[in-house]
C-alpha atoms as a PDB file:
ATOM      1  CA  UNK A   1     153.620  27.540 293.192  1.00  0.00           C
ATOM      2  CA  UNK A   2     150.214  27.771 291.591  1.00  0.00           C
ATOM      3  CA  UNK A   3     149.872  28.390 287.871  1.00  0.00           C
ATOM      4  CA  UNK A   4     147.940  31.550 288.660  1.00  0.00           C
ATOM      5  CA  UNK A   5     150.743  32.967 290.609  1.00  0.00           C
ATOM      6  CA  UNK A   6     153.192  31.926 287.973  1.00  0.00           C
ATOM      7  CA  UNK A   7     151.218  33.545 285.263  1.00  0.00           C
ATOM      8  CA  UNK A   8     151.638  36.853 287.191  1.00  0.00           C
ATOM      9  CA  UNK A   9     155.430  36.566 286.747  1.00  0.00           C
ATOM     10  CA  UNK A  10     156.303  35.987 290.340  1.00  0.00           C
ATOM     11  CA  UNK A  11     159.995  36.077 290.904  1.00  0.00           C
ATOM     12  CA  UNK A  12     161.200  32.624 291.930  1.00  0.00           C
ATOM     13  CA  UNK A  13     165.003  32.674 292.093  1.00  0.00           C
ATOM     14  CA  UNK A  14     167.863  35.150 291.376  1.00  0.00           C
ATOM     15  CA  UNK A  15     169.261  38.092 293.291  1.00  0.00           C
ATOM     16  CA  UNK A  16     169.497  41.799 292.555  1.00  0.00           C
ATOM     17  CA  UNK A  17     168.296  43.588 289.457  1.00  0.00           C
ATOM     18  CA  UNK A  18     166.781  41.331 286.813  1.00  0.00           C
ATOM     19  CA  UNK A  19     168.696  41.185 283.458  1.00  0.00           C
ATOM     20  CA  UNK A  20     165.417  40.795 281.605  1.00  0.00           C
ATOM     21  CA  UNK A  21     162.158  42.156 282.976  1.00  0.00           C
ATOM     22  CA  UNK A  22     158.711  42.625 281.380  1.00  0.00           C
ATOM     23  CA  UNK A  23     155.455  43.914 282.660  1.00  0.00           C
ATOM     24  CA  UNK A  24     152.245  42.998 280.848  1.00  0.00           C
ATOM     25  CA  UNK A  25     154.044  43.074 277.480  1.00  0.00           C
ATOM     26  CA  UNK A  26     151.761  42.692 274.553  1.00  0.00           C
ATOM     27  CA  UNK A  27     152.146  42.601 270.688  1.00  0.00           C
ATOM     28  CA  UNK A  28     149.332  42.824 268.207  1.00  0.00           C
ATOM     29  CA  UNK A  29     149.782  42.467 264.446  1.00  0.00           C
ATOM     30  CA  UNK A  30     147.433  43.695 261.778  1.00  0.00           C
ATOM     31  CA  UNK A  31     146.729  41.268 258.918  1.00  0.00           C
ATOM     32  CA  UNK A  32     144.517  41.099 255.950  1.00  0.00           C
ATOM     33  CA  UNK A  33     144.467  43.072 252.679  1.00  0.00           C
ATOM     34  CA  UNK A  34     143.219  46.230 254.406  1.00  0.00           C
ATOM     35  CA  UNK A  35     145.155  45.477 257.666  1.00  0.00           C
ATOM     36  CA  UNK A  36     141.782  45.467 259.422  1.00  0.00           C
ATOM     37  CA  UNK A  37     142.274  42.173 261.273  1.00  0.00           C
ATOM     38  CA  UNK A  38     144.137  42.012 264.598  1.00  0.00           C
ATOM     39  CA  UNK A  39     146.115  38.977 265.797  1.00  0.00           C
ATOM     40  CA  UNK A  40     147.355  39.117 269.404  1.00  0.00           C
ATOM     41  CA  UNK A  41     150.778  37.431 269.392  1.00  0.00           C
ATOM     42  CA  UNK A  42     151.551  38.245 272.983  1.00  0.00           C
ATOM     43  CA  UNK A  43     149.187  39.043 275.860  1.00  0.00           C
ATOM     44  CA  UNK A  44     150.175  40.539 279.099  1.00  0.00           C
ATOM     45  CA  UNK A  45     153.533  38.740 279.530  1.00  0.00           C
ATOM     46  CA  UNK A  46     155.151  39.403 282.787  1.00  0.00           C
ATOM     47  CA  UNK A  47     158.510  37.744 283.770  1.00  0.00           C
ATOM     48  CA  UNK A  48     161.944  38.353 285.203  1.00  0.00           C
ATOM     49  CA  UNK A  49     165.192  36.621 284.333  1.00  0.00           C
ATOM     50  CA  UNK A  50     168.228  37.158 286.692  1.00  0.00           C
ATOM     51  CA  UNK A  51     171.990  37.345 286.056  1.00  0.00           C
ATOM     52  CA  UNK A  52     173.606  33.939 285.611  1.00  0.00           C
ATOM     53  CA  UNK A  53     170.263  32.156 285.069  1.00  0.00           C
ATOM     54  CA  UNK A  54     169.627  29.819 282.082  1.00  0.00           C
ATOM     55  CA  UNK A  55     165.995  30.408 281.316  1.00  0.00           C
ATOM     56  CA  UNK A  56     164.041  28.238 278.932  1.00  0.00           C
ATOM     57  CA  UNK A  57     160.904  29.371 277.142  1.00  0.00           C
ATOM     58  CA  UNK A  58     158.662  26.554 275.909  1.00  0.00           C
ATOM     59  CA  UNK A  59     155.480  26.442 273.858  1.00  0.00           C
ATOM     60  CA  UNK A  60     153.846  24.875 270.851  1.00  0.00           C
ATOM     61  CA  UNK A  61     154.205  26.252 267.294  1.00  0.00           C
ATOM     62  CA  UNK A  62     152.665  29.657 266.933  1.00  0.00           C
ATOM     63  CA  UNK A  63     152.752  30.295 270.745  1.00  0.00           C
ATOM     64  CA  UNK A  64     154.602  33.596 270.317  1.00  0.00           C
ATOM     65  CA  UNK A  65     157.998  32.496 271.500  1.00  0.00           C
ATOM     66  CA  UNK A  66     160.008  34.164 268.751  1.00  0.00           C
ATOM     67  CA  UNK A  67     157.768  37.316 268.975  1.00  0.00           C
ATOM     68  CA  UNK A  68     158.659  37.601 272.577  1.00  0.00           C
ATOM     69  CA  UNK A  69     162.362  37.070 272.018  1.00  0.00           C
ATOM     70  CA  UNK A  70     162.404  39.604 269.222  1.00  0.00           C
ATOM     71  CA  UNK A  71     160.556  42.082 271.329  1.00  0.00           C
ATOM     72  CA  UNK A  72     163.034  41.635 274.110  1.00  0.00           C
ATOM     73  CA  UNK A  73     165.871  42.255 271.563  1.00  0.00           C
ATOM     74  CA  UNK A  74     164.280  45.426 270.269  1.00  0.00           C
ATOM     75  CA  UNK A  75     163.693  43.872 266.802  1.00  0.00           C
ATOM     76  CA  UNK A  76     159.973  44.103 267.235  1.00  0.00           C
ATOM     77  CA  UNK A  77     158.171  46.846 269.172  1.00  0.00           C
ATOM     78  CA  UNK A  78     155.523  45.967 271.722  1.00  0.00           C
ATOM     79  CA  UNK A  79     152.138  47.402 271.404  1.00  0.00           C
ATOM     80  CA  UNK A  80     151.322  47.257 275.106  1.00  0.00           C
ATOM     81  CA  UNK A  81     153.264  47.003 278.347  1.00  0.00           C
ATOM     82  CA  UNK A  82     156.887  47.759 279.044  1.00  0.00           C
ATOM     83  CA  UNK A  83     160.196  45.934 279.543  1.00  0.00           C
ATOM     84  CA  UNK A  84     163.878  46.348 280.535  1.00  0.00           C
ATOM     85  CA  UNK A  85     166.888  44.661 279.231  1.00  0.00           C
ATOM     86  CA  UNK A  86     170.195  45.073 281.254  1.00  0.00           C
ATOM     87  CA  UNK A  87     168.569  47.878 283.100  1.00  0.00           C
ATOM     88  CA  UNK A  88     167.605  49.870 279.902  1.00  0.00           C
ATOM     89  CA  UNK A  89     164.306  50.199 278.071  1.00  0.00           C
ATOM     90  CA  UNK A  90     163.707  47.573 275.375  1.00  0.00           C
ATOM     91  CA  UNK A  91     165.260  48.701 272.029  1.00  0.00           C
ATOM     92  CA  UNK A  92     167.945  50.880 273.576  1.00  0.00           C
ATOM     93  CA  UNK A  93     170.932  50.854 271.341  1.00  0.00           C
ATOM     94  CA  UNK A  94     173.421  50.959 274.194  1.00  0.00           C
ATOM     95  CA  UNK A  95     172.397  47.514 275.221  1.00  0.00           C
ATOM     96  CA  UNK A  96     173.036  45.968 271.833  1.00  0.00           C
ATOM     97  CA  UNK A  97     176.794  45.823 272.466  1.00  0.00           C
ATOM     98  CA  UNK A  98     176.263  43.556 275.550  1.00  0.00           C
ATOM     99  CA  UNK A  99     173.878  41.112 273.909  1.00  0.00           C
ATOM    100  CA  UNK A 100     174.403  37.963 271.735  1.00  0.00           C
ATOM    101  CA  UNK A 101     171.732  36.572 269.421  1.00  0.00           C
ATOM    102  CA  UNK A 102     171.288  33.291 267.452  1.00  0.00           C
ATOM    103  CA  UNK A 103     168.268  33.324 265.269  1.00  0.00           C
ATOM    104  CA  UNK A 104     166.390  30.120 264.526  1.00  0.00           C
ATOM    105  CA  UNK A 105     167.035  29.981 260.786  1.00  0.00           C
ATOM    106  CA  UNK A 106     169.860  32.506 260.393  1.00  0.00           C
ATOM    107  CA  UNK A 107     171.166  33.392 256.881  1.00  0.00           C
ATOM    108  CA  UNK A 108     174.846  34.185 256.505  1.00  0.00           C
ATOM    109  CA  UNK A 109     176.828  35.244 253.541  1.00  0.00           C
ATOM    110  CA  UNK A 110     177.563  31.803 252.274  1.00  0.00           C
ATOM    111  CA  UNK A 111     180.637  32.687 250.223  1.00  0.00           C
ATOM    112  CA  UNK A 112     182.320  33.559 253.449  1.00  0.00           C
ATOM    113  CA  UNK A 113     184.492  31.177 255.525  1.00  0.00           C
ATOM    114  CA  UNK A 114     183.742  30.482 259.095  1.00  0.00           C
ATOM    115  CA  UNK A 115     186.729  32.674 260.109  1.00  0.00           C
ATOM    116  CA  UNK A 116     185.651  35.513 257.724  1.00  0.00           C
ATOM    117  CA  UNK A 117     182.108  35.474 259.136  1.00  0.00           C
ATOM    118  CA  UNK A 118     183.545  35.911 262.717  1.00  0.00           C
ATOM    119  CA  UNK A 119     185.756  38.695 261.481  1.00  0.00           C
ATOM    120  CA  UNK A 120     182.852  40.436 259.792  1.00  0.00           C
ATOM    121  CA  UNK A 121     180.646  40.186 262.900  1.00  0.00           C
ATOM    122  CA  UNK A 122     183.619  41.363 265.025  1.00  0.00           C
ATOM    123  CA  UNK A 123     183.910  44.336 262.825  1.00  0.00           C
ATOM    124  CA  UNK A 124     180.199  45.269 263.405  1.00  0.00           C
ATOM    125  CA  UNK A 125     181.024  45.348 267.133  1.00  0.00           C
ATOM    126  CA  UNK A 126     184.177  47.442 266.466  1.00  0.00           C
ATOM    127  CA  UNK A 127     186.323  44.776 268.259  1.00  0.00           C
ATOM    128  CA  UNK A 128     189.977  45.666 267.694  1.00  0.00           C
ATOM    129  CA  UNK A 129     191.999  43.326 265.357  1.00  0.00           C
ATOM    130  CA  UNK A 130     194.338  42.344 268.223  1.00  0.00           C
ATOM    131  CA  UNK A 131     191.346  41.193 270.353  1.00  0.00           C
ATOM    132  CA  UNK A 132     189.960  39.363 267.221  1.00  0.00           C
ATOM    133  CA  UNK A 133     193.073  37.435 266.770  1.00  0.00           C
ATOM    134  CA  UNK A 134     192.679  36.012 270.204  1.00  0.00           C
ATOM    135  CA  UNK A 135     188.918  35.605 270.382  1.00  0.00           C
ATOM    136  CA  UNK A 136     188.246  34.078 267.113  1.00  0.00           C
ATOM    137  CA  UNK A 137     190.346  30.878 267.640  1.00  0.00           C
ATOM    138  CA  UNK A 138     188.948  30.573 271.063  1.00  0.00           C
ATOM    139  CA  UNK A 139     185.375  30.583 269.786  1.00  0.00           C
ATOM    140  CA  UNK A 140     186.129  28.270 266.929  1.00  0.00           C
ATOM    141  CA  UNK A 141     187.584  25.821 269.378  1.00  0.00           C
ATOM    142  CA  UNK A 142     184.515  26.293 271.699  1.00  0.00           C
ATOM    143  CA  UNK A 143     182.128  25.267 268.943  1.00  0.00           C
ATOM    144  CA  UNK A 144     184.275  22.501 267.575  1.00  0.00           C
ATOM    145  CA  UNK A 145     185.285  24.173 264.335  1.00  0.00           C
ATOM    146  CA  UNK A 146     188.964  24.881 265.135  1.00  0.00           C
ATOM    147  CA  UNK A 147     190.250  22.415 262.482  1.00  0.00           C
ATOM    148  CA  UNK A 148     191.848  24.263 259.619  1.00  0.00           C
ATOM    149  CA  UNK A 149     189.535  22.646 256.987  1.00  0.00           C
ATOM    150  CA  UNK A 150     186.339  23.792 258.892  1.00  0.00           C
ATOM    151  CA  UNK A 151     187.368  27.374 259.453  1.00  0.00           C
ATOM    152  CA  UNK A 152     188.651  27.855 255.851  1.00  0.00           C
ATOM    153  CA  UNK A 153     185.588  26.221 254.273  1.00  0.00           C
ATOM    154  CA  UNK A 154     182.868  28.492 252.828  1.00  0.00           C
ATOM    155  CA  UNK A 155     179.566  28.472 254.686  1.00  0.00           C
ATOM    156  CA  UNK A 156     177.825  27.067 251.680  1.00  0.00           C
ATOM    157  CA  UNK A 157     179.691  23.851 252.327  1.00  0.00           C
ATOM    158  CA  UNK A 158     178.724  23.683 255.974  1.00  0.00           C
ATOM    159  CA  UNK A 159     176.323  20.995 257.289  1.00  0.00           C
ATOM    160  CA  UNK A 160     173.152  22.154 259.256  1.00  0.00           C
ATOM    161  CA  UNK A 161     175.169  21.411 262.479  1.00  0.00           C
ATOM    162  CA  UNK A 162     178.226  23.275 261.404  1.00  0.00           C
ATOM    163  CA  UNK A 163     176.107  26.384 260.437  1.00  0.00           C
ATOM    164  CA  UNK A 164     174.377  26.224 263.866  1.00  0.00           C
ATOM    165  CA  UNK A 165     177.719  25.988 265.668  1.00  0.00           C
ATOM    166  CA  UNK A 166     179.269  28.938 263.657  1.00  0.00           C
ATOM    167  CA  UNK A 167     176.034  30.817 264.505  1.00  0.00           C
ATOM    168  CA  UNK A 168     176.669  30.222 268.160  1.00  0.00           C
ATOM    169  CA  UNK A 169     180.187  31.486 267.731  1.00  0.00           C
ATOM    170  CA  UNK A 170     179.041  34.781 266.013  1.00  0.00           C
ATOM    171  CA  UNK A 171     176.560  35.198 268.913  1.00  0.00           C
ATOM    172  CA  UNK A 172     179.425  35.166 271.457  1.00  0.00           C
ATOM    173  CA  UNK A 173     181.978  37.257 269.401  1.00  0.00           C
ATOM    174  CA  UNK A 174     181.322  40.382 271.612  1.00  0.00           C
ATOM    175  CA  UNK A 175     181.641  38.384 274.815  1.00  0.00           C
ATOM    176  CA  UNK A 176     177.966  39.315 275.685  1.00  0.00           C
ATOM    177  CA  UNK A 177     176.443  39.568 279.102  1.00  0.00           C
ATOM    178  CA  UNK A 178     173.133  37.907 278.037  1.00  0.00           C
ATOM    179  CA  UNK A 179     172.671  35.411 275.084  1.00  0.00           C
ATOM    180  CA  UNK A 180     169.332  34.870 273.337  1.00  0.00           C
ATOM    181  CA  UNK A 181     169.086  31.631 271.399  1.00  0.00           C
ATOM    182  CA  UNK A 182     165.999  30.863 269.197  1.00  0.00           C
ATOM    183  CA  UNK A 183     165.618  27.176 268.821  1.00  0.00           C
ATOM    184  CA  UNK A 184     169.309  26.521 269.024  1.00  0.00           C
ATOM    185  CA  UNK A 185     168.863  22.613 268.631  1.00  0.00           C
ATOM    186  CA  UNK A 186     166.331  22.766 265.845  1.00  0.00           C
ATOM    187  CA  UNK A 187     166.880  20.302 263.071  1.00  0.00           C
ATOM    188  CA  UNK A 188     170.090  18.958 264.604  1.00  0.00           C
ATOM    189  CA  UNK A 189     170.924  15.244 264.822  1.00  0.00           C
ATOM    190  CA  UNK A 190     171.765  13.737 268.345  1.00  0.00           C
ATOM    191  CA  UNK A 191     175.461  14.594 268.016  1.00  0.00           C
ATOM    192  CA  UNK A 192     174.724  18.301 266.995  1.00  0.00           C
ATOM    193  CA  UNK A 193     172.283  18.620 269.901  1.00  0.00           C
ATOM    194  CA  UNK A 194     174.930  17.250 272.297  1.00  0.00           C
ATOM    195  CA  UNK A 195     177.450  19.718 271.061  1.00  0.00           C
ATOM    196  CA  UNK A 196     175.071  22.687 271.340  1.00  0.00           C
ATOM    197  CA  UNK A 197     174.066  21.613 274.852  1.00  0.00           C
ATOM    198  CA  UNK A 198     177.678  21.362 275.899  1.00  0.00           C
ATOM    199  CA  UNK A 199     178.262  24.947 274.571  1.00  0.00           C
ATOM    200  CA  UNK A 200     175.329  26.133 276.568  1.00  0.00           C
ATOM    201  CA  UNK A 201     176.551  24.428 279.666  1.00  0.00           C
ATOM    202  CA  UNK A 202     179.926  26.038 279.228  1.00  0.00           C
ATOM    203  CA  UNK A 203     178.396  29.444 279.007  1.00  0.00           C
ATOM    204  CA  UNK A 204     176.299  28.703 282.171  1.00  0.00           C
ATOM    205  CA  UNK A 205     179.566  27.913 283.938  1.00  0.00           C
ATOM    206  CA  UNK A 206     180.883  31.367 283.002  1.00  0.00           C
ATOM    207  CA  UNK A 207     177.625  32.705 284.606  1.00  0.00           C
ATOM    208  CA  UNK A 208     176.381  34.077 281.462  1.00  0.00           C
ATOM    209  CA  UNK A 209     172.636  34.841 281.364  1.00  0.00           C
ATOM    210  CA  UNK A 210     170.955  32.657 278.767  1.00  0.00           C
ATOM    211  CA  UNK A 211     167.476  32.903 277.367  1.00  0.00           C
ATOM    212  CA  UNK A 212     166.402  30.417 274.855  1.00  0.00           C
ATOM    213  CA  UNK A 213     163.451  28.955 273.124  1.00  0.00           C
ATOM    214  CA  UNK A 214     163.306  25.167 272.402  1.00  0.00           C
ATOM    215  CA  UNK A 215     161.049  22.268 271.471  1.00  0.00           C
ATOM    216  CA  UNK A 216     163.557  19.675 272.835  1.00  0.00           C
ATOM    217  CA  UNK A 217     162.138  19.305 276.245  1.00  0.00           C
ATOM    218  CA  UNK A 218     164.713  16.721 277.393  1.00  0.00           C
ATOM    219  CA  UNK A 219     167.509  19.137 276.777  1.00  0.00           C
ATOM    220  CA  UNK A 220     165.704  21.906 278.457  1.00  0.00           C
ATOM    221  CA  UNK A 221     165.341  19.612 281.504  1.00  0.00           C
ATOM    222  CA  UNK A 222     169.124  19.135 281.666  1.00  0.00           C
ATOM    223  CA  UNK A 223     170.167  22.791 281.141  1.00  0.00           C
ATOM    224  CA  UNK A 224     167.675  25.212 282.620  1.00  0.00           C
ATOM    225  CA  UNK A 225     167.451  26.863 286.056  1.00  0.00           C
ATOM    226  CA  UNK A 226     163.886  27.977 285.407  1.00  0.00           C
ATOM    227  CA  UNK A 227     161.368  27.561 282.500  1.00  0.00           C
ATOM    228  CA  UNK A 228     158.195  29.264 281.396  1.00  0.00           C
ATOM    229  CA  UNK A 229     155.547  27.925 279.183  1.00  0.00           C
ATOM    230  CA  UNK A 230     153.988  30.103 276.602  1.00  0.00           C
ATOM    231  CA  UNK A 231     150.724  29.283 274.929  1.00  0.00           C
ATOM    232  CA  UNK A 232     148.488  31.281 272.632  1.00  0.00           C
ATOM    233  CA  UNK A 233     150.527  34.443 273.503  1.00  0.00           C
ATOM    234  CA  UNK A 234     149.992  34.008 277.313  1.00  0.00           C
ATOM    235  CA  UNK A 235     152.583  32.793 279.923  1.00  0.00           C
ATOM    236  CA  UNK A 236     150.745  29.983 281.857  1.00  0.00           C
ATOM    237  CA  UNK A 237     153.440  29.124 284.192  1.00  0.00           C
ATOM    238  CA  UNK A 238     157.002  30.133 285.419  1.00  0.00           C
ATOM    239  CA  UNK A 239     159.279  28.340 287.827  1.00  0.00           C
ATOM    240  CA  UNK A 240     162.067  25.942 288.560  1.00  0.00           C
ATOM    241  CA  UNK A 241     161.600  22.298 287.725  1.00  0.00           C
ATOM    242  CA  UNK A 242     161.227  21.301 291.253  1.00  0.00           C
ATOM    243  CA  UNK A 243     158.556  24.023 291.714  1.00  0.00           C
ATOM    244  CA  UNK A 244     156.573  23.010 288.574  1.00  0.00           C
ATOM    245  CA  UNK A 245     157.175  19.080 288.659  1.00  0.00           C
ATOM    246  CA  UNK A 246     157.366  18.708 292.486  1.00  0.00           C
ATOM    247  CA  UNK A 247     160.031  17.375 294.709  1.00  0.00           C
ATOM    248  CA  UNK A 248     158.923  13.799 295.346  1.00  0.00           C
ATOM    249  CA  UNK A 249     160.981  11.669 297.708  1.00  0.00           C
ATOM    250  CA  UNK A 250     159.554   8.514 296.023  1.00  0.00           C
ATOM    251  CA  UNK A 251     161.890   6.736 293.478  1.00  0.00           C
ATOM    252  CA  UNK A 252     161.076   4.556 290.473  1.00  0.00           C
ATOM    253  CA  UNK A 253     163.624   1.754 290.274  1.00  0.00           C
ATOM    254  CA  UNK A 254     164.578  -0.579 287.289  1.00  0.00           C
ATOM    255  CA  UNK A 255     167.004  -3.501 287.504  1.00  0.00           C
ATOM    256  CA  UNK A 256     167.952  -7.026 286.497  1.00  0.00           C
ATOM    257  CA  UNK A 257     168.371 -10.376 288.355  1.00  0.00           C
ATOM    258  CA  UNK A 258     168.418 -10.881 292.106  1.00  0.00           C
ATOM    259  CA  UNK A 259     166.265 -12.671 294.612  1.00  0.00           C
ATOM    260  CA  UNK A 260     162.610 -11.774 293.756  1.00  0.00           C
ATOM    261  CA  UNK A 261     161.356 -12.618 297.328  1.00  0.00           C
ATOM    262  CA  UNK A 262     163.710 -10.077 298.877  1.00  0.00           C
ATOM    263  CA  UNK A 263     162.918  -7.604 296.030  1.00  0.00           C
ATOM    264  CA  UNK A 264     159.159  -7.728 296.735  1.00  0.00           C
ATOM    265  CA  UNK A 265     159.934  -6.506 300.351  1.00  0.00           C
ATOM    266  CA  UNK A 266     161.607  -3.338 298.897  1.00  0.00           C
ATOM    267  CA  UNK A 267     159.684  -2.667 295.765  1.00  0.00           C
ATOM    268  CA  UNK A 268     156.125  -1.759 295.639  1.00  0.00           C
ATOM    269  CA  UNK A 269     153.985  -2.753 292.414  1.00  0.00           C
ATOM    270  CA  UNK A 270     156.832  -4.914 291.300  1.00  0.00           C
ATOM    271  CA  UNK A 271     156.743  -5.829 287.640  1.00  0.00           C
ATOM    272  CA  UNK A 272     158.974  -8.738 286.311  1.00  0.00           C
ATOM    273  CA  UNK A 273     159.618  -9.616 282.692  1.00  0.00           C
ATOM    274  CA  UNK A 274     162.511 -11.735 281.431  1.00  0.00           C
ATOM    275  CA  UNK A 275     164.547 -11.365 284.500  1.00  0.00           C
ATOM    276  CA  UNK A 276     164.048  -7.528 284.377  1.00  0.00           C
ATOM    277  CA  UNK A 277     162.045  -5.875 287.084  1.00  0.00           C
ATOM    278  CA  UNK A 278     160.797  -2.316 287.931  1.00  0.00           C
ATOM    279  CA  UNK A 279     158.509  -0.648 290.494  1.00  0.00           C
ATOM    280  CA  UNK A 280     158.353   1.927 293.241  1.00  0.00           C
ATOM    281  CA  UNK A 281     161.104   1.784 295.850  1.00  0.00           C
ATOM    282  CA  UNK A 282     160.269   1.556 299.491  1.00  0.00           C
ATOM    283  CA  UNK A 283     162.917   2.578 302.054  1.00  0.00           C
ATOM    284  CA  UNK A 284     166.149   4.462 301.781  1.00  0.00           C
ATOM    285  CA  UNK A 285     167.741   4.385 298.296  1.00  0.00           C
ATOM    286  CA  UNK A 286     171.312   3.996 299.625  1.00  0.00           C
ATOM    287  CA  UNK A 287     170.320   0.937 301.824  1.00  0.00           C
ATOM    288  CA  UNK A 288     168.763  -0.683 298.750  1.00  0.00           C
ATOM    289  CA  UNK A 289     171.823   0.023 296.655  1.00  0.00           C
ATOM    290  CA  UNK A 290     173.994  -1.564 299.234  1.00  0.00           C
ATOM    291  CA  UNK A 291     171.781  -4.597 299.205  1.00  0.00           C
ATOM    292  CA  UNK A 292     171.866  -5.350 295.509  1.00  0.00           C
ATOM    293  CA  UNK A 293     175.467  -7.043 295.327  1.00  0.00           C
ATOM    294  CA  UNK A 294     174.318  -9.358 298.173  1.00  0.00           C
ATOM    295  CA  UNK A 295     171.369 -10.669 296.169  1.00  0.00           C
ATOM    296  CA  UNK A 296     173.272 -10.719 292.767  1.00  0.00           C
ATOM    297  CA  UNK A 297     171.090  -7.855 291.253  1.00  0.00           C
ATOM    298  CA  UNK A 298     172.026  -4.938 289.121  1.00  0.00           C
ATOM    299  CA  UNK A 299     170.372  -1.597 288.942  1.00  0.00           C
ATOM    300  CA  UNK A 300     169.501  -0.072 285.528  1.00  0.00           C
ATOM    301  CA  UNK A 301     167.816   3.214 286.641  1.00  0.00           C
ATOM    302  CA  UNK A 302     166.759   4.993 289.785  1.00  0.00           C
ATOM    303  CA  UNK A 303     164.668   8.137 289.308  1.00  0.00           C
ATOM    304  CA  UNK A 304     162.459  10.493 291.168  1.00  0.00           C
ATOM    305  CA  UNK A 305     158.958   9.421 290.572  1.00  0.00           C
ATOM    306  CA  UNK A 306     157.580  12.728 289.365  1.00  0.00           C
ATOM    307  CA  UNK A 307     156.275  13.664 285.888  1.00  0.00           C
ATOM    308  CA  UNK A 308     158.893  14.541 283.135  1.00  0.00           C
ATOM    309  CA  UNK A 309     158.844  17.999 281.774  1.00  0.00           C
ATOM    310  CA  UNK A 310     157.227  16.646 278.597  1.00  0.00           C
ATOM    311  CA  UNK A 311     154.430  15.163 280.543  1.00  0.00           C
ATOM    312  CA  UNK A 312     153.842  18.325 282.550  1.00  0.00           C
ATOM    313  CA  UNK A 313     154.081  20.425 279.287  1.00  0.00           C
ATOM    314  CA  UNK A 314     151.363  18.312 277.504  1.00  0.00           C
ATOM    315  CA  UNK A 315     149.192  18.420 280.625  1.00  0.00           C
ATOM    316  CA  UNK A 316     149.362  22.160 280.850  1.00  0.00           C
ATOM    317  CA  UNK A 317     148.302  22.541 277.283  1.00  0.00           C
ATOM    318  CA  UNK A 318     145.590  19.967 277.434  1.00  0.00           C
ATOM    319  CA  UNK A 319     144.055  21.790 280.466  1.00  0.00           C
ATOM    320  CA  UNK A 320     143.656  24.836 278.194  1.00  0.00           C
ATOM    321  CA  UNK A 321     142.321  22.871 275.257  1.00  0.00           C
ATOM    322  CA  UNK A 322     145.523  23.307 273.142  1.00  0.00           C
ATOM    323  CA  UNK A 323     146.652  20.485 270.865  1.00  0.00           C
ATOM    324  CA  UNK A 324     150.467  20.189 270.900  1.00  0.00           C
ATOM    325  CA  UNK A 325     152.381  19.636 267.716  1.00  0.00           C
ATOM    326  CA  UNK A 326     156.069  19.861 267.281  1.00  0.00           C
END
């Protein structure tokens, strides 16, 4: 799919009525002492997200990702265009009962314990106490805070990762149909990122619709069904990873040991260093894998020879003269 087609929000996958749909959505802020300066944060954003999809919104700092997310949630009003969330106009109060939201830098009442925060949030949704007693332990277990010490500890004593996980639990307290996550892995260590990624995958298995912003492109590559790249307020491409990165049948292979003369017959541009080798595989991957034990070789990696999401992302920004900084 061309970037031009993608920028028009062409539907790629999904069936039935979109859960999230926007048409030429725009947001302009007024700045300056006299509010006489205009800044376009969003420009004619058109996209559709379908039920059960995990949709990733990527972009450099200041691209407008959080503005778009808040506009979809009805926190910010658009100045142009229109949109629908769960079949209702953006900002409709009836929809809020069916939506979960984790802000990027959420602030919670830090004198509350994790359990009390979830009780408080459940009360806002008017969830009956009998349901709370079942759901809160389930959510604490889902986010890895079921230990008595963690759920009874005040939030002021929580680590960054624990705050992020309890934030994920409060976003799910109402069993939402669609979950919005703003930079859910921001500032987390590798273990924290892994835990949040596993939670998102568990929601995906439940066929929840997930819309999230992220700078962690490797995680997005593992999780998302489709992605969009937002730059300077404009959607520059939308699609699945196969559509954007290509579906190459060529494989890049890395390994160790083996008969070099035989490997040269299978691997193009063979590079060898300290008994390790790599190059472009020629022939059927399964036949090559069957050969390795016979020549006393071991494989380390076998990947499709296509650009990574990070390489594609940087390329798209460079084509538009945008310097990327995390």
